[in-house]
Amino acid sequence: MAKTDYVYLIPDLEDQYFASLRTADRFEYTRMTRKVVFFSRKRRKGMTQKSLLPQIAVLWATLSSGQKQAWSDAGAESNKNGWRLFVQDMCARFKNDIAGIATPSLLHQSWVGKLTIEAPASEIKIVQIHPHFYWISKKVRGVKGMRYPVQITEDLALPFTLGVNYKSNLSAVGSPAFAKIYARFWHSYQGQDLVTDLEIPFDAVKDWTHVEDTLTTLSGYVVRYDIYFHIQNMTGVLYFDNVEATHSAQNWVRNPFCKDINQGFTRMFYQVPKHWAAVVLPETSWYDSVYEDF
C-alpha cells in the first residue's frame, strides 16, 4: 500500500479522484479507501432483503389521515416528520419482537431513558456536565455514518428552563426517599463561591407527564452548571424523554431524545464527555435507553 504525507491534485483530476475514493478514518491512521459505486445483483438483492422499509411502507399506507397526523404531531416533539418517526418506531418494535403498531405520543417517542434500581441497591445518580467549554460529536451532513468533533462554548444567559417528560413506578425503602431532576449552578459573587440548585421532584408513581421550572436570577458570575437525575432510598423504575435545559433560546441538553443515554466516546473522540455519566451506580442499579410498548 502506498503511503503519502500529502497529495496535490490538479483541478482537472479532482472529480475523478473523489469519484473513485472516499475518506475512511480521518482522525487516527488517516487513509483513503475505494468508493463502492456499482453493486452486483447478488449484493443488491441482499441489501433489499435486509431493508425493513418496504414492509414499513405497507403499514404506513394502511394508516388513516388522522393517524398520520398524530405521528406528525409526535414527530415534531423530536424534530422529525411523521414518516421518519414511524420508521424509527417500527424498526425498534421489530428489533424487540413487539407486534402491532404503537400509538404515537407527544410525551415520549421510540427510545426513552430508563433508570432501574433493584434491592439491595437504593440509590442511583447520573449527570450531564455543562462546563463553559466542552466537545460534542456532530454528524457530517449528507454523509452516512461520518461524524466529527466540535468544541462548544456555552455562555449561560438567564432565564434558564429545566424540563423533562417522565413516567415513574417507584417504592420507598428508607428515609429520606426522593426522585428528582435538578440543575446545579456554580457561581461567584463578591469573592464567595456559591451553589444554587433548580430542582424538580418526581412523583413515586406517575403516568407520562411533563414537568418544568425556570430560574430567572443568579448572583454574580456563573462558572458552570450540571444536570442530575437522582433517586435515593427508593427501588423501581423511572423513564424519561425530551430532556430540556433551555437558555439563550436553545436547548443545550446533549441527546435530549434519549437515543443512547449511556453512550461513551473513544479513540479520537475521547475528549467528548458521555451523554450521561454515573455518579452513584451500585451493582443492582443501571441506566440505559430502551424501547417499551407503553
C-alpha atoms as a PDB file:
ATOM      1  CA  MET A   1       0.000   0.000   0.000  1.00  0.00           C
ATOM      2  CA  ALA A   2       1.332   3.405  -0.946  1.00  0.00           C
ATOM      3  CA  LYS A   3       1.847   5.880   1.915  1.00  0.00           C
ATOM      4  CA  THR A   4       1.909   9.622   1.375  1.00  0.00           C
ATOM      5  CA  ASP A   5       2.117  12.670   3.574  1.00  0.00           C
ATOM      6  CA  TYR A   6       0.321  14.986   1.180  1.00  0.00           C
ATOM      7  CA  VAL A   7      -1.429  14.705  -2.151  1.00  0.00           C
ATOM      8  CA  TYR A   8      -1.714  17.634  -4.514  1.00  0.00           C
ATOM      9  CA  LEU A   9      -4.482  17.354  -7.083  1.00  0.00           C
ATOM     10  CA  ILE A  10      -4.642  19.476 -10.168  1.00  0.00           C
ATOM     11  CA  PRO A  11      -8.168  20.789 -10.739  1.00  0.00           C
ATOM     12  CA  ASP A  12      -8.739  18.567 -13.792  1.00  0.00           C
ATOM     13  CA  LEU A  13      -8.251  15.390 -11.709  1.00  0.00           C
ATOM     14  CA  GLU A  14     -10.268  16.266  -8.604  1.00  0.00           C
ATOM     15  CA  ASP A  15     -13.568  14.927  -9.927  1.00  0.00           C
ATOM     16  CA  GLN A  16     -12.001  11.613 -10.973  1.00  0.00           C
ATOM     17  CA  TYR A  17     -10.132  11.281  -7.671  1.00  0.00           C
ATOM     18  CA  PHE A  18     -13.181  11.770  -5.429  1.00  0.00           C
ATOM     19  CA  ALA A  19     -15.370   9.694  -7.723  1.00  0.00           C
ATOM     20  CA  SER A  20     -13.198   6.640  -7.004  1.00  0.00           C
ATOM     21  CA  LEU A  21     -12.003   7.220  -3.421  1.00  0.00           C
ATOM     22  CA  ARG A  22     -13.518   8.251  -0.121  1.00  0.00           C
ATOM     23  CA  THR A  23     -12.172   9.212   3.279  1.00  0.00           C
ATOM     24  CA  ALA A  24     -12.026   6.430   5.865  1.00  0.00           C
ATOM     25  CA  ASP A  25     -10.862   7.201   9.416  1.00  0.00           C
ATOM     26  CA  ARG A  26      -9.856  10.875   9.319  1.00  0.00           C
ATOM     27  CA  PHE A  27      -8.595  11.297  12.881  1.00  0.00           C
ATOM     28  CA  GLU A  28      -6.424   8.253  13.639  1.00  0.00           C
ATOM     29  CA  TYR A  29      -4.420   6.399  10.970  1.00  0.00           C
ATOM     30  CA  THR A  30      -5.979   8.564   8.311  1.00  0.00           C
ATOM     31  CA  ARG A  31      -6.444   6.849   4.995  1.00  0.00           C
ATOM     32  CA  MET A  32      -8.389   6.791   1.777  1.00  0.00           C
ATOM     33  CA  THR A  33     -10.370   3.796   0.619  1.00  0.00           C
ATOM     34  CA  ARG A  34     -12.216   2.924  -2.552  1.00  0.00           C
ATOM     35  CA  LYS A  35     -15.741   4.141  -3.086  1.00  0.00           C
ATOM     36  CA  VAL A  36     -18.235   1.414  -3.961  1.00  0.00           C
ATOM     37  CA  VAL A  37     -20.187   2.706  -6.933  1.00  0.00           C
ATOM     38  CA  PHE A  38     -21.508  -0.429  -8.636  1.00  0.00           C
ATOM     39  CA  PHE A  39     -23.210  -3.234  -6.728  1.00  0.00           C
ATOM     40  CA  SER A  40     -23.573  -6.753  -8.057  1.00  0.00           C
ATOM     41  CA  ARG A  41     -27.049  -8.235  -8.492  1.00  0.00           C
ATOM     42  CA  LYS A  42     -26.385 -10.568  -5.576  1.00  0.00           C
ATOM     43  CA  ARG A  43     -25.360  -7.685  -3.312  1.00  0.00           C
ATOM     44  CA  ARG A  44     -28.319  -5.522  -4.370  1.00  0.00           C
ATOM     45  CA  LYS A  45     -30.676  -8.415  -3.641  1.00  0.00           C
ATOM     46  CA  GLY A  46     -29.133  -8.889  -0.208  1.00  0.00           C
ATOM     47  CA  MET A  47     -29.445  -5.182   0.581  1.00  0.00           C
ATOM     48  CA  THR A  48     -33.140  -5.043  -0.310  1.00  0.00           C
ATOM     49  CA  GLN A  49     -33.857  -8.228   1.624  1.00  0.00           C
ATOM     50  CA  LYS A  50     -32.299  -6.724   4.743  1.00  0.00           C
ATOM     51  CA  SER A  51     -34.217  -3.453   4.462  1.00  0.00           C
ATOM     52  CA  LEU A  52     -37.328  -3.016   6.582  1.00  0.00           C
ATOM     53  CA  LEU A  53     -38.561  -0.046   4.576  1.00  0.00           C
ATOM     54  CA  PRO A  54     -40.784  -1.994   2.124  1.00  0.00           C
ATOM     55  CA  GLN A  55     -42.871  -3.626   4.852  1.00  0.00           C
ATOM     56  CA  ILE A  56     -42.928  -0.440   6.935  1.00  0.00           C
ATOM     57  CA  ALA A  57     -44.203   1.463   3.880  1.00  0.00           C
ATOM     58  CA  VAL A  58     -47.064  -1.049   3.563  1.00  0.00           C
ATOM     59  CA  LEU A  59     -48.022  -0.463   7.218  1.00  0.00           C
ATOM     60  CA  TRP A  60     -47.818   3.322   6.758  1.00  0.00           C
ATOM     61  CA  ALA A  61     -50.201   3.085   3.797  1.00  0.00           C
ATOM     62  CA  THR A  62     -52.817   1.411   5.996  1.00  0.00           C
ATOM     63  CA  LEU A  63     -52.978   4.388   8.379  1.00  0.00           C
ATOM     64  CA  SER A  64     -55.750   6.938   8.122  1.00  0.00           C
ATOM     65  CA  SER A  65     -55.028  10.622   7.571  1.00  0.00           C
ATOM     66  CA  GLY A  66     -55.827  11.268  11.238  1.00  0.00           C
ATOM     67  CA  GLN A  67     -53.339   8.616  12.377  1.00  0.00           C
ATOM     68  CA  LYS A  68     -50.649  10.021  10.079  1.00  0.00           C
ATOM     69  CA  GLN A  69     -51.284  13.485  11.510  1.00  0.00           C
ATOM     70  CA  ALA A  70     -50.872  12.069  15.024  1.00  0.00           C
ATOM     71  CA  TRP A  71     -47.476  10.677  14.013  1.00  0.00           C
ATOM     72  CA  SER A  72     -46.549  14.074  12.534  1.00  0.00           C
ATOM     73  CA  ASP A  73     -47.534  15.842  15.768  1.00  0.00           C
ATOM     74  CA  ALA A  74     -45.464  13.389  17.836  1.00  0.00           C
ATOM     75  CA  GLY A  75     -42.544  13.648  15.433  1.00  0.00           C
ATOM     76  CA  ALA A  76     -42.472  17.424  15.816  1.00  0.00           C
ATOM     77  CA  GLU A  77     -41.599  16.892  19.502  1.00  0.00           C
ATOM     78  CA  SER A  78     -38.347  15.175  18.482  1.00  0.00           C
ATOM     79  CA  ASN A  79     -37.579  17.224  15.349  1.00  0.00           C
ATOM     80  CA  LYS A  80     -38.804  14.565  12.904  1.00  0.00           C
ATOM     81  CA  ASN A  81     -41.630  14.338  10.418  1.00  0.00           C
ATOM     82  CA  GLY A  82     -44.312  11.705  10.909  1.00  0.00           C
ATOM     83  CA  TRP A  83     -42.885   9.227   8.409  1.00  0.00           C
ATOM     84  CA  ARG A  84     -39.367   9.312   9.917  1.00  0.00           C
ATOM     85  CA  LEU A  85     -40.698   8.798  13.441  1.00  0.00           C
ATOM     86  CA  PHE A  86     -42.900   5.933  12.241  1.00  0.00           C
ATOM     87  CA  VAL A  87     -39.915   4.233  10.578  1.00  0.00           C
ATOM     88  CA  GLN A  88     -37.783   4.669  13.709  1.00  0.00           C
ATOM     89  CA  ASP A  89     -40.541   3.331  15.932  1.00  0.00           C
ATOM     90  CA  MET A  90     -41.335   0.318  13.743  1.00  0.00           C
ATOM     91  CA  CYS A  91     -37.650  -0.606  13.442  1.00  0.00           C
ATOM     92  CA  ALA A  92     -37.422  -0.554  17.236  1.00  0.00           C
ATOM     93  CA  ARG A  93     -40.513  -2.767  17.504  1.00  0.00           C
ATOM     94  CA  PHE A  94     -39.083  -5.273  15.010  1.00  0.00           C
ATOM     95  CA  LYS A  95     -35.777  -5.314  16.876  1.00  0.00           C
ATOM     96  CA  ASN A  96     -37.545  -6.018  20.176  1.00  0.00           C
ATOM     97  CA  ASP A  97     -40.024  -8.540  18.703  1.00  0.00           C
ATOM     98  CA  ILE A  98     -43.058  -6.400  19.568  1.00  0.00           C
ATOM     99  CA  ALA A  99     -46.095  -6.914  17.352  1.00  0.00           C
ATOM    100  CA  GLY A 100     -48.502  -4.252  16.133  1.00  0.00           C
ATOM    101  CA  ILE A 101     -48.219  -0.508  15.637  1.00  0.00           C
ATOM    102  CA  ALA A 102     -47.577   1.878  18.514  1.00  0.00           C
ATOM    103  CA  THR A 103     -49.866   4.748  19.466  1.00  0.00           C
ATOM    104  CA  PRO A 104     -47.884   7.996  18.920  1.00  0.00           C
ATOM    105  CA  SER A 105     -47.421  10.180  21.979  1.00  0.00           C
ATOM    106  CA  LEU A 106     -46.409  13.795  22.488  1.00  0.00           C
ATOM    107  CA  LEU A 107     -44.599  12.828  25.711  1.00  0.00           C
ATOM    108  CA  HIS A 108     -42.275  10.051  24.512  1.00  0.00           C
ATOM    109  CA  GLN A 109     -41.036   8.904  21.110  1.00  0.00           C
ATOM    110  CA  SER A 110     -39.451   5.492  20.452  1.00  0.00           C
ATOM    111  CA  TRP A 111     -36.331   5.155  22.633  1.00  0.00           C
ATOM    112  CA  VAL A 112     -36.502   6.596  26.156  1.00  0.00           C
ATOM    113  CA  GLY A 113     -34.101   6.796  29.081  1.00  0.00           C
ATOM    114  CA  LYS A 114     -34.596   4.295  31.918  1.00  0.00           C
ATOM    115  CA  LEU A 115     -33.212   4.297  35.456  1.00  0.00           C
ATOM    116  CA  THR A 116     -33.621   0.998  37.303  1.00  0.00           C
ATOM    117  CA  ILE A 117     -32.957   0.254  40.986  1.00  0.00           C
ATOM    118  CA  GLU A 118     -33.310  -3.223  42.463  1.00  0.00           C
ATOM    119  CA  ALA A 119     -32.635  -4.308  46.048  1.00  0.00           C
ATOM    120  CA  PRO A 120     -30.252  -4.264  47.798  1.00  0.00           C
ATOM    121  CA  ALA A 121     -29.405  -1.010  45.938  1.00  0.00           C
ATOM    122  CA  SER A 122     -31.485   2.012  46.894  1.00  0.00           C
ATOM    123  CA  GLU A 123     -29.838   4.885  45.029  1.00  0.00           C
ATOM    124  CA  ILE A 124     -28.789   5.962  41.552  1.00  0.00           C
ATOM    125  CA  LYS A 125     -27.413   9.272  40.338  1.00  0.00           C
ATOM    126  CA  ILE A 126     -26.298  10.293  36.846  1.00  0.00           C
ATOM    127  CA  VAL A 127     -25.020  13.605  35.492  1.00  0.00           C
ATOM    128  CA  GLN A 128     -24.624  15.510  32.247  1.00  0.00           C
ATOM    129  CA  ILE A 129     -21.877  18.083  32.576  1.00  0.00           C
ATOM    130  CA  HIS A 130     -22.069  21.587  31.104  1.00  0.00           C
ATOM    131  CA  PRO A 131     -18.786  23.467  31.611  1.00  0.00           C
ATOM    132  CA  HIS A 132     -18.124  26.664  29.704  1.00  0.00           C
ATOM    133  CA  PHE A 133     -16.171  24.746  27.041  1.00  0.00           C
ATOM    134  CA  TYR A 134     -16.728  21.130  26.009  1.00  0.00           C
ATOM    135  CA  TRP A 135     -16.698  18.883  22.941  1.00  0.00           C
ATOM    136  CA  ILE A 136     -19.529  17.121  21.143  1.00  0.00           C
ATOM    137  CA  SER A 137     -19.700  14.604  18.306  1.00  0.00           C
ATOM    138  CA  LYS A 138     -21.541  16.088  15.332  1.00  0.00           C
ATOM    139  CA  LYS A 139     -22.806  14.342  12.214  1.00  0.00           C
ATOM    140  CA  VAL A 140     -21.393  15.304   8.840  1.00  0.00           C
ATOM    141  CA  ARG A 141     -24.399  16.430   6.836  1.00  0.00           C
ATOM    142  CA  GLY A 142     -25.056  14.331   3.765  1.00  0.00           C
ATOM    143  CA  VAL A 143     -22.559  11.586   4.665  1.00  0.00           C
ATOM    144  CA  LYS A 144     -23.884   8.424   6.328  1.00  0.00           C
ATOM    145  CA  GLY A 145     -22.072   7.341   9.455  1.00  0.00           C
ATOM    146  CA  MET A 146     -19.449  10.103   9.462  1.00  0.00           C
ATOM    147  CA  ARG A 147     -19.030  12.408  12.460  1.00  0.00           C
ATOM    148  CA  TYR A 148     -16.515  14.983  13.634  1.00  0.00           C
ATOM    149  CA  PRO A 149     -15.653  16.604  16.986  1.00  0.00           C
ATOM    150  CA  VAL A 150     -16.799  20.178  17.613  1.00  0.00           C
ATOM    151  CA  GLN A 151     -15.884  22.387  20.550  1.00  0.00           C
ATOM    152  CA  ILE A 152     -18.877  24.111  22.140  1.00  0.00           C
ATOM    153  CA  THR A 153     -18.804  27.391  24.032  1.00  0.00           C
ATOM    154  CA  GLU A 154     -21.865  27.607  26.264  1.00  0.00           C
ATOM    155  CA  ASP A 155     -22.420  31.091  27.652  1.00  0.00           C
ATOM    156  CA  LEU A 156     -25.237  30.853  30.179  1.00  0.00           C
ATOM    157  CA  ALA A 157     -27.845  33.606  29.896  1.00  0.00           C
ATOM    158  CA  LEU A 158     -30.873  33.589  32.179  1.00  0.00           C
ATOM    159  CA  PRO A 159     -33.724  32.742  32.261  1.00  0.00           C
ATOM    160  CA  PHE A 160     -32.896  29.022  32.370  1.00  0.00           C
ATOM    161  CA  THR A 161     -35.686  26.442  31.925  1.00  0.00           C
ATOM    162  CA  LEU A 162     -35.269  22.841  33.053  1.00  0.00           C
ATOM    163  CA  GLY A 163     -37.883  20.338  31.887  1.00  0.00           C
ATOM    164  CA  VAL A 164     -38.475  16.660  31.186  1.00  0.00           C
ATOM    165  CA  ASN A 165     -41.217  14.150  30.374  1.00  0.00           C
ATOM    166  CA  TYR A 166     -41.237  11.190  32.765  1.00  0.00           C
ATOM    167  CA  LYS A 167     -43.074   8.071  33.947  1.00  0.00           C
ATOM    168  CA  SER A 168     -42.319   6.500  37.336  1.00  0.00           C
ATOM    169  CA  ASN A 169     -43.064   3.352  39.313  1.00  0.00           C
ATOM    170  CA  LEU A 170     -41.015   3.672  42.498  1.00  0.00           C
ATOM    171  CA  SER A 171     -41.377   2.474  46.090  1.00  0.00           C
ATOM    172  CA  ALA A 172     -39.759   3.999  49.172  1.00  0.00           C
ATOM    173  CA  VAL A 173     -37.401   1.719  51.117  1.00  0.00           C
ATOM    174  CA  GLY A 174     -35.962   4.235  53.558  1.00  0.00           C
ATOM    175  CA  SER A 175     -35.826   7.894  54.553  1.00  0.00           C
ATOM    176  CA  PRO A 176     -35.414  10.434  53.116  1.00  0.00           C
ATOM    177  CA  ALA A 177     -36.878   8.992  49.911  1.00  0.00           C
ATOM    178  CA  PHE A 178     -36.928  11.115  46.764  1.00  0.00           C
ATOM    179  CA  ALA A 179     -36.632  11.109  42.987  1.00  0.00           C
ATOM    180  CA  LYS A 180     -35.787  14.304  41.142  1.00  0.00           C
ATOM    181  CA  ILE A 181     -34.043  16.088  38.314  1.00  0.00           C
ATOM    182  CA  TYR A 182     -32.059  19.191  39.117  1.00  0.00           C
ATOM    183  CA  ALA A 183     -29.583  21.609  37.598  1.00  0.00           C
ATOM    184  CA  ARG A 184     -26.744  22.705  39.876  1.00  0.00           C
ATOM    185  CA  PHE A 185     -25.142  26.084  39.172  1.00  0.00           C
ATOM    186  CA  TRP A 186     -21.722  27.130  40.433  1.00  0.00           C
ATOM    187  CA  HIS A 187     -21.394  30.922  40.555  1.00  0.00           C
ATOM    188  CA  SER A 188     -19.146  33.526  42.146  1.00  0.00           C
ATOM    189  CA  TYR A 189     -20.328  36.683  43.914  1.00  0.00           C
ATOM    190  CA  GLN A 190     -18.222  39.186  45.878  1.00  0.00           C
ATOM    191  CA  GLY A 191     -15.441  36.687  46.460  1.00  0.00           C
ATOM    192  CA  GLN A 192     -17.778  33.869  47.515  1.00  0.00           C
ATOM    193  CA  ASP A 193     -18.166  30.566  45.658  1.00  0.00           C
ATOM    194  CA  LEU A 194     -21.894  29.810  45.651  1.00  0.00           C
ATOM    195  CA  VAL A 195     -24.025  26.835  44.590  1.00  0.00           C
ATOM    196  CA  THR A 196     -27.675  27.123  43.549  1.00  0.00           C
ATOM    197  CA  ASP A 197     -29.992  24.249  42.586  1.00  0.00           C
ATOM    198  CA  LEU A 198     -33.025  24.346  40.314  1.00  0.00           C
ATOM    199  CA  GLU A 199     -34.886  21.226  41.420  1.00  0.00           C
ATOM    200  CA  ILE A 200     -37.949  19.383  40.107  1.00  0.00           C
ATOM    201  CA  PRO A 201     -39.265  16.487  42.251  1.00  0.00           C
ATOM    202  CA  PHE A 202     -40.853  13.396  40.695  1.00  0.00           C
ATOM    203  CA  ASP A 203     -43.906  11.567  41.994  1.00  0.00           C
ATOM    204  CA  ALA A 204     -43.222   7.989  43.101  1.00  0.00           C
ATOM    205  CA  VAL A 205     -45.939   6.582  40.820  1.00  0.00           C
ATOM    206  CA  LYS A 206     -46.955   8.624  37.794  1.00  0.00           C
ATOM    207  CA  ASP A 207     -48.002   8.020  34.194  1.00  0.00           C
ATOM    208  CA  TRP A 208     -46.283  10.007  31.468  1.00  0.00           C
ATOM    209  CA  THR A 209     -46.341  13.731  32.243  1.00  0.00           C
ATOM    210  CA  HIS A 210     -44.342  16.894  31.583  1.00  0.00           C
ATOM    211  CA  VAL A 211     -42.695  18.940  34.344  1.00  0.00           C
ATOM    212  CA  GLU A 212     -40.553  22.064  34.132  1.00  0.00           C
ATOM    213  CA  ASP A 213     -39.299  25.003  36.173  1.00  0.00           C
ATOM    214  CA  THR A 214     -37.427  28.218  35.412  1.00  0.00           C
ATOM    215  CA  LEU A 215     -34.542  30.019  37.114  1.00  0.00           C
ATOM    216  CA  THR A 216     -34.585  33.775  36.481  1.00  0.00           C
ATOM    217  CA  THR A 217     -31.825  35.229  38.694  1.00  0.00           C
ATOM    218  CA  LEU A 218     -28.356  34.249  39.902  1.00  0.00           C
ATOM    219  CA  SER A 219     -25.933  36.469  41.793  1.00  0.00           C
ATOM    220  CA  GLY A 220     -22.562  37.234  40.268  1.00  0.00           C
ATOM    221  CA  TYR A 221     -20.755  35.304  37.545  1.00  0.00           C
ATOM    222  CA  VAL A 222     -21.859  31.787  36.542  1.00  0.00           C
ATOM    223  CA  VAL A 223     -18.939  29.375  36.262  1.00  0.00           C
ATOM    224  CA  ARG A 224     -20.800  26.261  35.043  1.00  0.00           C
ATOM    225  CA  TYR A 225     -23.827  24.044  35.619  1.00  0.00           C
ATOM    226  CA  ASP A 226     -24.551  20.309  35.541  1.00  0.00           C
ATOM    227  CA  ILE A 227     -27.830  18.373  35.236  1.00  0.00           C
ATOM    228  CA  TYR A 228     -28.578  15.410  37.518  1.00  0.00           C
ATOM    229  CA  PHE A 229     -31.123  12.621  37.816  1.00  0.00           C
ATOM    230  CA  HIS A 230     -31.085  11.394  41.409  1.00  0.00           C
ATOM    231  CA  ILE A 231     -33.138   8.691  43.128  1.00  0.00           C
ATOM    232  CA  GLN A 232     -32.446   7.834  46.778  1.00  0.00           C
ATOM    233  CA  ASN A 233     -33.970   5.311  49.206  1.00  0.00           C
ATOM    234  CA  MET A 234     -36.311   4.015  46.515  1.00  0.00           C
ATOM    235  CA  THR A 235     -36.495   0.990  44.224  1.00  0.00           C
ATOM    236  CA  GLY A 236     -38.269   0.594  40.889  1.00  0.00           C
ATOM    237  CA  VAL A 237     -38.000   2.300  37.515  1.00  0.00           C
ATOM    238  CA  LEU A 238     -38.047   5.826  36.143  1.00  0.00           C
ATOM    239  CA  TYR A 239     -38.490   6.525  32.419  1.00  0.00           C
ATOM    240  CA  PHE A 240     -37.733   9.902  30.871  1.00  0.00           C
ATOM    241  CA  ASP A 241     -37.623  11.574  27.454  1.00  0.00           C
ATOM    242  CA  ASN A 242     -37.371  15.003  25.812  1.00  0.00           C
ATOM    243  CA  VAL A 243     -34.999  16.487  28.398  1.00  0.00           C
ATOM    244  CA  GLU A 244     -34.748  20.280  28.220  1.00  0.00           C
ATOM    245  CA  ALA A 245     -32.180  22.764  29.527  1.00  0.00           C
ATOM    246  CA  THR A 246     -33.068  25.918  27.628  1.00  0.00           C
ATOM    247  CA  HIS A 247     -31.341  29.273  27.760  1.00  0.00           C
ATOM    248  CA  SER A 248     -30.316  31.755  25.082  1.00  0.00           C
ATOM    249  CA  ALA A 249     -33.275  30.452  23.010  1.00  0.00           C
ATOM    250  CA  GLN A 250     -31.664  26.989  22.666  1.00  0.00           C
ATOM    251  CA  ASN A 251     -31.935  23.576  24.296  1.00  0.00           C
ATOM    252  CA  TRP A 252     -28.390  22.667  25.374  1.00  0.00           C
ATOM    253  CA  VAL A 253     -29.061  19.074  26.502  1.00  0.00           C
ATOM    254  CA  ARG A 254     -26.963  16.545  24.615  1.00  0.00           C
ATOM    255  CA  ASN A 255     -29.053  13.655  23.301  1.00  0.00           C
ATOM    256  CA  PRO A 256     -32.352  15.176  24.536  1.00  0.00           C
ATOM    257  CA  PHE A 257     -34.416  12.423  22.883  1.00  0.00           C
ATOM    258  CA  CYS A 258     -32.580   9.636  24.736  1.00  0.00           C
ATOM    259  CA  LYS A 259     -31.431   7.562  21.760  1.00  0.00           C
ATOM    260  CA  ASP A 260     -28.432   6.234  23.729  1.00  0.00           C
ATOM    261  CA  ILE A 261     -28.064   7.848  27.138  1.00  0.00           C
ATOM    262  CA  ASN A 262     -25.186   5.557  28.161  1.00  0.00           C
ATOM    263  CA  GLN A 263     -23.093   6.258  25.066  1.00  0.00           C
ATOM    264  CA  GLY A 264     -19.381   6.807  25.590  1.00  0.00           C
ATOM    265  CA  PHE A 265     -16.753   8.081  23.150  1.00  0.00           C
ATOM    266  CA  THR A 266     -13.326   6.627  22.384  1.00  0.00           C
ATOM    267  CA  ARG A 267     -10.338   6.962  20.067  1.00  0.00           C
ATOM    268  CA  MET A 268     -10.077  10.461  18.636  1.00  0.00           C
ATOM    269  CA  PHE A 269     -13.414  11.380  20.246  1.00  0.00           C
ATOM    270  CA  TYR A 270     -12.037  10.701  23.720  1.00  0.00           C
ATOM    271  CA  GLN A 271     -12.480  14.379  24.667  1.00  0.00           C
ATOM    272  CA  VAL A 272     -16.258  14.168  24.136  1.00  0.00           C
ATOM    273  CA  PRO A 273     -17.963  13.573  27.527  1.00  0.00           C
ATOM    274  CA  LYS A 274     -20.581  10.856  27.927  1.00  0.00           C
ATOM    275  CA  HIS A 275     -24.163  11.959  27.417  1.00  0.00           C
ATOM    276  CA  TRP A 276     -24.941  10.825  30.972  1.00  0.00           C
ATOM    277  CA  ALA A 277     -22.216   9.625  33.342  1.00  0.00           C
ATOM    278  CA  ALA A 278     -22.719   7.629  36.541  1.00  0.00           C
ATOM    279  CA  VAL A 279     -22.116   9.399  39.859  1.00  0.00           C
ATOM    280  CA  VAL A 280     -23.717   6.750  42.103  1.00  0.00           C
ATOM    281  CA  LEU A 281     -24.310   3.355  40.475  1.00  0.00           C
ATOM    282  CA  PRO A 282     -24.483   0.292  42.793  1.00  0.00           C
ATOM    283  CA  GLU A 283     -24.304  -3.204  41.303  1.00  0.00           C
ATOM    284  CA  THR A 284     -28.076  -3.734  41.186  1.00  0.00           C
ATOM    285  CA  SER A 285     -28.884  -0.389  39.577  1.00  0.00           C
ATOM    286  CA  TRP A 286     -28.316   0.639  35.977  1.00  0.00           C
ATOM    287  CA  TYR A 287     -29.352   3.113  33.304  1.00  0.00           C
ATOM    288  CA  ASP A 288     -29.780   2.831  29.547  1.00  0.00           C
ATOM    289  CA  SER A 289     -32.001   3.695  26.593  1.00  0.00           C
ATOM    290  CA  VAL A 290     -34.852   1.249  25.998  1.00  0.00           C
ATOM    291  CA  TYR A 291     -37.872   0.754  23.776  1.00  0.00           C
ATOM    292  CA  GLU A 292     -41.016  -0.423  25.545  1.00  0.00           C
ATOM    293  CA  ASP A 293     -44.635  -0.677  24.455  1.00  0.00           C
ATOM    294  CA  PHE A 294     -46.182   1.879  26.821  1.00  0.00           C
END
